[in-house]
Amino acid sequence: MFAEVKHFQWTDIEDDTTDPDFPTLLEMYVTSPGHSAVLRYEVAVTTIEELTRRLNSHPCIAGHGQVVVARFDRQSVESFLRSAVAQVSADSWEELEHSLGRFGRSEFNMTGAYWSPDPWGAPPA
């Protein structure tokens, strides 16, 4: 079974004329052709500048579930993710969900420890 992005939902973007605050949250809905089930993933999209600011307050950052861009362009991020997700295949939904976890936090894995540190959390005092 292969993975395919059904659609995206940008939760923090009103229009394309203004860049969002980073990181911004992208909900990615993934299916497999011929199947009705859809899995939702949360992807943190950020810039090099925002990542650098976080590194100033945290010595290490886990990188899964984050897309880092040099310049924000919604269509480029969506194209990148569509292409990357289309390369994922598995023998079952469980394996597909696990393999896609590198792109974002699955709706079945909404633990607070997915991003470390949480990109939306306050910097340490």
Foldseek 3Di string as FASTA:
>chain_A
DAKAWPDKDFPQDPDDPDDGPAQTWMWTWMDDPPDDDIKIFIAGEGEPVLVVVLCVQPVDWDDFRYHYDPDDDPVVVVVVVRVVRRVDDDDDPVVSQVVCRSNGAIPVGPDCVSIVVDSPDDRDD
